[in-house]
């Protein structure tokens, strides 16, 4: 199946399932930079170096294993060399700390008002 026939079938299937599809031109770093960078990383660190199986179930298992490494082991420069999992946990902890209400102290209880 050629790229054009795949795209047509893919777009048709998205439409049939009522999935909104935003088609951007390939290699569009300005509107699509994060996605393009992720594609490059996956290509260089997975598709070009792993001896991929041809059977779909085995390929899906290999992809799941790569996804686990990508999200929990591989540090990401854009995340300050944290893994996505570490970054998520850190940001959740920071959010919790920000949302904790400080103990309220009555203004007359401060030391400068106590005689």
Protein backbone atom coordinates (compact mmCIF):
# COMPACT_ATOMS: atom_id res chain seq x y z
CA UNK A 1 0.00 0.00 0.00
CA UNK A 2 1.40 3.37 -0.99
CA UNK A 3 1.57 6.40 1.27
CA UNK A 4 -1.30 8.14 -0.54
CA UNK A 5 -3.64 5.16 -0.35
CA UNK A 6 -2.75 4.70 3.35
CA UNK A 7 -3.47 8.38 4.03
CA UNK A 8 -6.81 8.14 2.23
CA UNK A 9 -7.80 5.01 4.17
CA UNK A 10 -6.60 6.52 7.44
CA UNK A 11 -8.53 9.75 6.89
CA UNK A 12 -11.62 7.78 5.90
CA UNK A 13 -11.39 5.64 9.03
CA UNK A 14 -10.97 8.73 11.24
CA UNK A 15 -14.04 10.24 9.62
CA UNK A 16 -16.03 7.03 10.08
CA UNK A 17 -15.12 6.98 13.78
CA UNK A 18 -15.87 10.70 14.16
CA UNK A 19 -12.26 11.48 15.09
CA UNK A 20 -11.14 15.03 14.35
CA UNK A 21 -8.00 14.95 12.29
CA UNK A 22 -5.57 17.83 11.91
CA UNK A 23 -3.27 17.26 8.97
CA UNK A 24 -0.06 19.27 9.00
CA UNK A 25 2.56 19.15 6.30
CA UNK A 26 5.47 16.83 7.09
CA UNK A 27 8.68 18.31 8.46
CA UNK A 28 6.96 21.48 9.64
CA UNK A 29 9.11 22.54 12.58
CA UNK A 30 7.23 25.71 13.44
CA UNK A 31 3.65 24.48 13.81
CA UNK A 32 4.61 20.90 14.58
CA UNK A 33 8.04 21.05 16.24
CA UNK A 34 7.39 18.85 19.27
CA UNK A 35 5.88 16.10 17.16
CA UNK A 36 8.67 16.30 14.58
CA UNK A 37 11.28 16.05 17.37
CA UNK A 38 9.53 13.03 18.88
CA UNK A 39 9.42 11.34 15.46
CA UNK A 40 13.16 11.93 15.05
CA UNK A 41 13.92 10.48 18.48
CA UNK A 42 11.77 7.41 17.86
CA UNK A 43 13.35 6.89 14.45
CA UNK A 44 16.95 7.27 15.67
CA UNK A 45 16.60 5.39 18.95
CA UNK A 46 14.06 2.71 18.10
CA UNK A 47 13.21 2.07 14.46
CA UNK A 48 16.81 2.33 13.17
CA UNK A 49 18.43 0.26 15.92
CA UNK A 50 15.93 -2.44 16.88
CA UNK A 51 15.53 -5.58 14.81
CA UNK A 52 11.78 -5.25 14.46
CA UNK A 53 9.47 -8.23 14.08
CA UNK A 54 7.13 -8.30 11.10
CA UNK A 55 4.14 -9.68 13.00
CA UNK A 56 1.82 -7.01 14.44
CA UNK A 57 1.45 -8.53 17.95
CA UNK A 58 5.23 -8.85 18.34
CA UNK A 59 5.78 -5.35 16.94
CA UNK A 60 3.22 -3.97 19.40
CA UNK A 61 5.12 -5.65 22.27
CA UNK A 62 8.39 -4.10 21.08
CA UNK A 63 6.71 -0.68 20.86
CA UNK A 64 5.30 -1.02 24.39
CA UNK A 65 8.76 -1.92 25.70
CA UNK A 66 10.27 1.14 23.94
CA UNK A 67 7.51 3.35 25.31
CA UNK A 68 8.34 2.14 28.83
CA UNK A 69 12.03 3.01 28.33
CA UNK A 70 11.20 6.36 26.73
CA UNK A 71 8.92 7.42 29.58
CA UNK A 72 10.63 5.94 32.64
CA UNK A 73 14.35 5.43 31.91
CA UNK A 74 15.49 7.78 29.12
CA UNK A 75 16.23 11.33 30.35
CA UNK A 76 14.91 14.18 28.20
CA UNK A 77 16.92 17.35 27.69
CA UNK A 78 13.76 19.45 27.39
CA UNK A 79 12.68 18.23 30.84
CA UNK A 80 15.93 19.18 32.56
CA UNK A 81 17.31 15.66 32.03
CA UNK A 82 14.45 14.05 33.93
CA UNK A 83 12.40 11.22 32.52
CA UNK A 84 8.78 12.11 31.68
CA UNK A 85 7.70 10.04 34.67
CA UNK A 86 10.05 11.92 37.01
CA UNK A 87 8.95 15.25 35.54
CA UNK A 88 5.29 14.39 36.03
CA UNK A 89 5.81 13.30 39.64
CA UNK A 90 7.85 16.42 40.40
CA UNK A 91 5.26 18.75 38.88
CA UNK A 92 2.44 16.97 40.75
CA UNK A 93 4.32 17.41 44.04
CA UNK A 94 4.94 21.09 43.29
CA UNK A 95 1.26 21.58 42.44
CA UNK A 96 0.21 19.94 45.70
CA UNK A 97 2.56 22.18 47.64
CA UNK A 98 1.18 25.29 45.92
CA UNK A 99 -2.40 24.31 46.69
CA UNK A 100 -1.85 23.62 50.37
CA UNK A 101 -3.33 26.48 52.31
CA UNK A 102 -0.90 28.10 54.72
CA UNK A 103 -1.81 28.22 58.37
CA UNK A 104 -3.62 31.43 59.01
CA UNK A 105 -2.36 33.52 61.86
CA UNK A 106 -4.46 36.21 63.43
CA UNK A 107 -2.73 39.60 62.92
CA UNK A 108 -2.79 40.33 66.64
CA UNK A 109 -1.02 37.05 67.32
CA UNK A 110 2.17 38.15 65.61
CA UNK A 111 5.05 38.86 67.95
CA UNK A 112 5.19 42.58 67.25
CA UNK A 113 1.71 43.05 68.67
CA UNK A 114 2.27 41.03 71.83
CA UNK A 115 3.27 43.17 74.80
